[in-house]
Structure formats: C-alpha cells, structure tokens
Amino acid sequence: RSALPTSSLVSFVSLLSQLTSHIIFNGIVDQSTLPNPMSNHSINNIDVTKIVESDVARWSCVVFCIAENLRWLSKLPIDIHI
C-alpha cells in the first residue's frame, strides 16, 4: 500500500483549482501571477489523475506546486466578508 494519500491529493488539487479560478474570475488578481497553472485535474501541466501511486518524484513535484500556490493565495490582498 502506498504511503502517499493520492486520492486526497487529487481531490485537493481540484478544490484548490476551483478556489483559484473563483478568485481569478472575479478579477481579484490576474491569472499570470499564479505560480503554477491549474485545472481540476492538473497543476503545472501534471495530470494528477494519471500519476501512479509509486511515482514519488512526480507526487513530490505536485505537493511543491500546491505549496507554492497556497503561499501565493496567502499573500493576496483579499478582504473576505462572511
């Protein structure tokens, strides 16, 4: 059994992509500032649905890209009202 939570990472990429798309769609920031382009199934042109669980190098790259995009999100000048 893999030590990587691959299905969780696939779901997280999808959710992060949706959040990022919402921010970009609403004009809060320009898409060109996003460190790693995303879609519901990929980050930085890596399709996370096609990576085998044992490919630790690619999963590590995915996790690094997720971290870069989360850092980018954390620095956005967003005033959120709930």
N, C-alpha and C. Protein backbone atom coordinates (compact mmCIF):
# COMPACT_ATOMS: atom_id res chain seq x y z
N ARG A 1 0.84 -1.19 0.00
CA ARG A 1 0.00 0.00 0.00
C ARG A 1 0.87 1.24 0.00
N SER A 2 0.46 2.23 -0.74
CA SER A 2 1.22 3.47 -0.89
C SER A 2 1.16 4.29 0.39
N ALA A 3 2.27 4.96 0.66
CA ALA A 3 2.31 5.87 1.80
C ALA A 3 1.75 7.23 1.43
N LEU A 4 1.55 7.47 0.14
CA LEU A 4 1.02 8.75 -0.33
C LEU A 4 -0.51 8.72 -0.35
N PRO A 5 -1.14 9.75 0.16
CA PRO A 5 -2.61 9.83 0.11
C PRO A 5 -3.06 10.37 -1.25
N THR A 6 -2.85 9.58 -2.29
CA THR A 6 -3.04 10.08 -3.65
C THR A 6 -4.46 10.55 -3.94
N SER A 7 -5.45 9.81 -3.49
CA SER A 7 -6.83 10.25 -3.78
C SER A 7 -7.14 11.57 -3.08
N SER A 8 -6.57 11.76 -1.93
CA SER A 8 -6.77 13.03 -1.21
C SER A 8 -6.08 14.18 -1.94
N LEU A 9 -4.90 13.92 -2.49
CA LEU A 9 -4.19 14.96 -3.24
C LEU A 9 -4.93 15.33 -4.52
N VAL A 10 -5.50 14.33 -5.19
CA VAL A 10 -6.28 14.60 -6.40
C VAL A 10 -7.48 15.49 -6.04
N SER A 11 -8.17 15.16 -4.97
CA SER A 11 -9.32 15.97 -4.54
C SER A 11 -8.89 17.37 -4.13
N PHE A 12 -7.76 17.47 -3.45
CA PHE A 12 -7.29 18.77 -3.00
C PHE A 12 -6.91 19.66 -4.18
N VAL A 13 -6.26 19.10 -5.19
CA VAL A 13 -5.92 19.87 -6.39
C VAL A 13 -7.19 20.41 -7.04
N SER A 14 -8.22 19.59 -7.10
CA SER A 14 -9.48 20.02 -7.69
C SER A 14 -10.09 21.18 -6.90
N LEU A 15 -10.12 21.06 -5.59
CA LEU A 15 -10.70 22.12 -4.74
C LEU A 15 -9.87 23.40 -4.82
N LEU A 16 -8.55 23.27 -4.79
CA LEU A 16 -7.69 24.44 -4.87
C LEU A 16 -7.84 25.12 -6.23
N SER A 17 -7.99 24.33 -7.27
CA SER A 17 -8.20 24.88 -8.60
C SER A 17 -9.51 25.67 -8.67
N GLN A 18 -10.56 25.14 -8.06
CA GLN A 18 -11.85 25.84 -8.06
C GLN A 18 -11.76 27.16 -7.29
N LEU A 19 -11.09 27.16 -6.16
CA LEU A 19 -10.92 28.38 -5.38
C LEU A 19 -10.11 29.41 -6.16
N THR A 20 -9.02 28.95 -6.76
CA THR A 20 -8.16 29.84 -7.54
C THR A 20 -8.91 30.42 -8.73
N SER A 21 -9.67 29.58 -9.43
CA SER A 21 -10.46 30.04 -10.57
C SER A 21 -11.47 31.10 -10.14
N HIS A 22 -12.10 30.90 -9.01
CA HIS A 22 -13.07 31.86 -8.49
C HIS A 22 -12.40 33.22 -8.24
N ILE A 23 -11.23 33.20 -7.63
CA ILE A 23 -10.51 34.43 -7.34
C ILE A 23 -10.12 35.15 -8.63
N ILE A 24 -9.62 34.39 -9.60
CA ILE A 24 -9.21 34.98 -10.87
C ILE A 24 -10.43 35.47 -11.65
N PHE A 25 -11.50 34.67 -11.70
CA PHE A 25 -12.71 35.03 -12.43
C PHE A 25 -13.32 36.31 -11.91
N ASN A 26 -13.25 36.53 -10.61
CA ASN A 26 -13.82 37.73 -10.00
C ASN A 26 -12.90 38.93 -10.08
N GLY A 27 -11.80 38.80 -10.80
CA GLY A 27 -10.93 39.94 -11.05
C GLY A 27 -10.08 40.38 -9.89
N ILE A 28 -9.96 39.53 -8.89
CA ILE A 28 -9.16 39.91 -7.72
C ILE A 28 -7.68 39.98 -8.09
N VAL A 29 -7.24 39.05 -8.93
CA VAL A 29 -5.86 39.03 -9.42
C VAL A 29 -5.84 38.58 -10.86
N ASP A 30 -4.72 38.80 -11.51
CA ASP A 30 -4.53 38.34 -12.88
C ASP A 30 -3.99 36.91 -12.85
N GLN A 31 -4.47 36.09 -13.77
CA GLN A 31 -4.07 34.69 -13.82
C GLN A 31 -2.56 34.52 -14.00
N SER A 32 -1.93 35.48 -14.64
CA SER A 32 -0.49 35.36 -14.90
C SER A 32 0.35 35.40 -13.63
N THR A 33 -0.23 35.83 -12.52
CA THR A 33 0.53 35.87 -11.27
C THR A 33 0.53 34.53 -10.54
N LEU A 34 -0.33 33.61 -10.93
CA LEU A 34 -0.40 32.28 -10.31
C LEU A 34 0.89 31.52 -10.60
N PRO A 35 1.60 31.06 -9.57
CA PRO A 35 2.88 30.40 -9.80
C PRO A 35 2.79 29.13 -10.67
N ASN A 36 1.76 28.34 -10.44
CA ASN A 36 1.61 27.08 -11.17
C ASN A 36 0.18 26.99 -11.71
N PRO A 37 0.04 27.00 -13.04
CA PRO A 37 -1.31 26.91 -13.61
C PRO A 37 -2.03 25.65 -13.15
N MET A 38 -3.35 25.78 -13.02
CA MET A 38 -4.14 24.65 -12.50
C MET A 38 -5.39 24.43 -13.33
N SER A 39 -5.85 23.19 -13.28
CA SER A 39 -7.19 22.83 -13.74
C SER A 39 -7.72 21.86 -12.68
N ASN A 40 -8.92 21.36 -12.89
CA ASN A 40 -9.47 20.43 -11.89
C ASN A 40 -8.68 19.14 -11.76
N HIS A 41 -7.87 18.83 -12.76
CA HIS A 41 -7.12 17.57 -12.72
C HIS A 41 -5.62 17.74 -12.87
N SER A 42 -5.15 18.98 -12.94
CA SER A 42 -3.71 19.15 -13.13
C SER A 42 -3.19 20.39 -12.42
N ILE A 43 -1.90 20.35 -12.19
CA ILE A 43 -1.19 21.50 -11.66
C ILE A 43 0.18 21.51 -12.33
N ASN A 44 0.55 22.67 -12.85
CA ASN A 44 1.82 22.82 -13.55
C ASN A 44 1.96 21.79 -14.69
N ASN A 45 0.86 21.58 -15.40
CA ASN A 45 0.80 20.65 -16.53
C ASN A 45 1.03 19.19 -16.15
N ILE A 46 0.85 18.85 -14.89
CA ILE A 46 0.94 17.46 -14.43
C ILE A 46 -0.47 16.98 -14.13
N ASP A 47 -0.95 16.01 -14.90
CA ASP A 47 -2.29 15.47 -14.69
C ASP A 47 -2.24 14.52 -13.49
N VAL A 48 -2.79 14.96 -12.38
CA VAL A 48 -2.71 14.18 -11.14
C VAL A 48 -3.55 12.92 -11.17
N THR A 49 -4.48 12.84 -12.11
CA THR A 49 -5.30 11.62 -12.21
C THR A 49 -4.55 10.50 -12.93
N LYS A 50 -3.41 10.83 -13.55
CA LYS A 50 -2.66 9.83 -14.31
C LYS A 50 -1.33 9.45 -13.68
N ILE A 51 -1.02 9.99 -12.52
CA ILE A 51 0.23 9.64 -11.85
C ILE A 51 0.02 8.35 -11.06
N VAL A 52 0.91 7.41 -11.25
CA VAL A 52 0.81 6.17 -10.47
C VAL A 52 1.25 6.45 -9.04
N GLU A 53 0.69 5.71 -8.10
CA GLU A 53 0.96 5.96 -6.69
C GLU A 53 2.44 5.84 -6.35
N SER A 54 3.16 5.00 -7.06
CA SER A 54 4.57 4.77 -6.73
C SER A 54 5.51 5.83 -7.30
N ASP A 55 4.98 6.77 -8.07
CA ASP A 55 5.82 7.82 -8.68
C ASP A 55 6.03 8.96 -7.68
N VAL A 56 6.91 8.71 -6.75
CA VAL A 56 7.14 9.65 -5.66
C VAL A 56 7.69 10.99 -6.17
N ALA A 57 8.52 10.95 -7.20
CA ALA A 57 9.10 12.19 -7.73
C ALA A 57 8.01 13.13 -8.27
N ARG A 58 7.07 12.58 -9.03
CA ARG A 58 6.00 13.44 -9.58
C ARG A 58 5.05 13.91 -8.49
N TRP A 59 4.74 13.02 -7.54
CA TRP A 59 3.87 13.45 -6.44
C TRP A 59 4.56 14.54 -5.62
N SER A 60 5.86 14.41 -5.43
CA SER A 60 6.60 15.44 -4.69
C SER A 60 6.52 16.78 -5.41
N CYS A 61 6.63 16.75 -6.73
CA CYS A 61 6.50 17.96 -7.53
C CYS A 61 5.11 18.57 -7.36
N VAL A 62 4.08 17.72 -7.37
CA VAL A 62 2.71 18.19 -7.19
C VAL A 62 2.56 18.87 -5.83
N VAL A 63 3.07 18.24 -4.78
CA VAL A 63 2.96 18.81 -3.43
C VAL A 63 3.69 20.15 -3.36
N PHE A 64 4.87 20.24 -3.99
CA PHE A 64 5.61 21.50 -4.01
C PHE A 64 4.80 22.58 -4.73
N CYS A 65 4.19 22.24 -5.87
CA CYS A 65 3.37 23.20 -6.62
C CYS A 65 2.16 23.64 -5.82
N ILE A 66 1.53 22.71 -5.12
CA ILE A 66 0.40 23.05 -4.25
C ILE A 66 0.86 24.06 -3.20
N ALA A 67 2.01 23.79 -2.59
CA ALA A 67 2.53 24.69 -1.55
C ALA A 67 2.81 26.08 -2.11
N GLU A 68 3.38 26.14 -3.31
CA GLU A 68 3.63 27.45 -3.93
C GLU A 68 2.33 28.20 -4.18
N ASN A 69 1.32 27.51 -4.67
CA ASN A 69 0.04 28.17 -4.93
C ASN A 69 -0.66 28.58 -3.64
N LEU A 70 -0.53 27.78 -2.60
CA LEU A 70 -1.11 28.17 -1.30
C LEU A 70 -0.40 29.40 -0.74
N ARG A 71 0.90 29.45 -0.91
CA ARG A 71 1.66 30.63 -0.46
C ARG A 71 1.19 31.87 -1.23
N TRP A 72 1.01 31.72 -2.54
CA TRP A 72 0.50 32.81 -3.38
C TRP A 72 -0.86 33.28 -2.86
N LEU A 73 -1.75 32.32 -2.57
CA LEU A 73 -3.08 32.68 -2.04
C LEU A 73 -2.97 33.43 -0.73
N SER A 74 -2.06 32.99 0.12
CA SER A 74 -1.95 33.61 1.45
C SER A 74 -1.48 35.06 1.38
N LYS A 75 -0.85 35.44 0.28
CA LYS A 75 -0.34 36.81 0.14
C LYS A 75 -1.27 37.73 -0.63
N LEU A 76 -2.39 37.22 -1.09
CA LEU A 76 -3.32 38.06 -1.85
C LEU A 76 -3.99 39.08 -0.94
N PRO A 77 -4.16 40.29 -1.43
CA PRO A 77 -4.82 41.33 -0.64
C PRO A 77 -6.34 41.18 -0.74
N ILE A 78 -6.87 40.20 -0.05
CA ILE A 78 -8.30 39.91 -0.13
C ILE A 78 -8.96 40.23 1.21
N ASP A 79 -10.03 41.00 1.13
CA ASP A 79 -10.83 41.28 2.32
C ASP A 79 -12.09 40.43 2.20
N ILE A 80 -12.16 39.38 3.00
CA ILE A 80 -13.28 38.43 2.91
C ILE A 80 -14.33 38.78 3.98
N HIS A 81 -15.55 38.96 3.52
CA HIS A 81 -16.67 39.21 4.43
C HIS A 81 -17.60 38.01 4.38
N ILE A 82 -17.84 37.42 5.50
CA ILE A 82 -18.73 36.25 5.57
C ILE A 82 -20.07 36.68 6.11
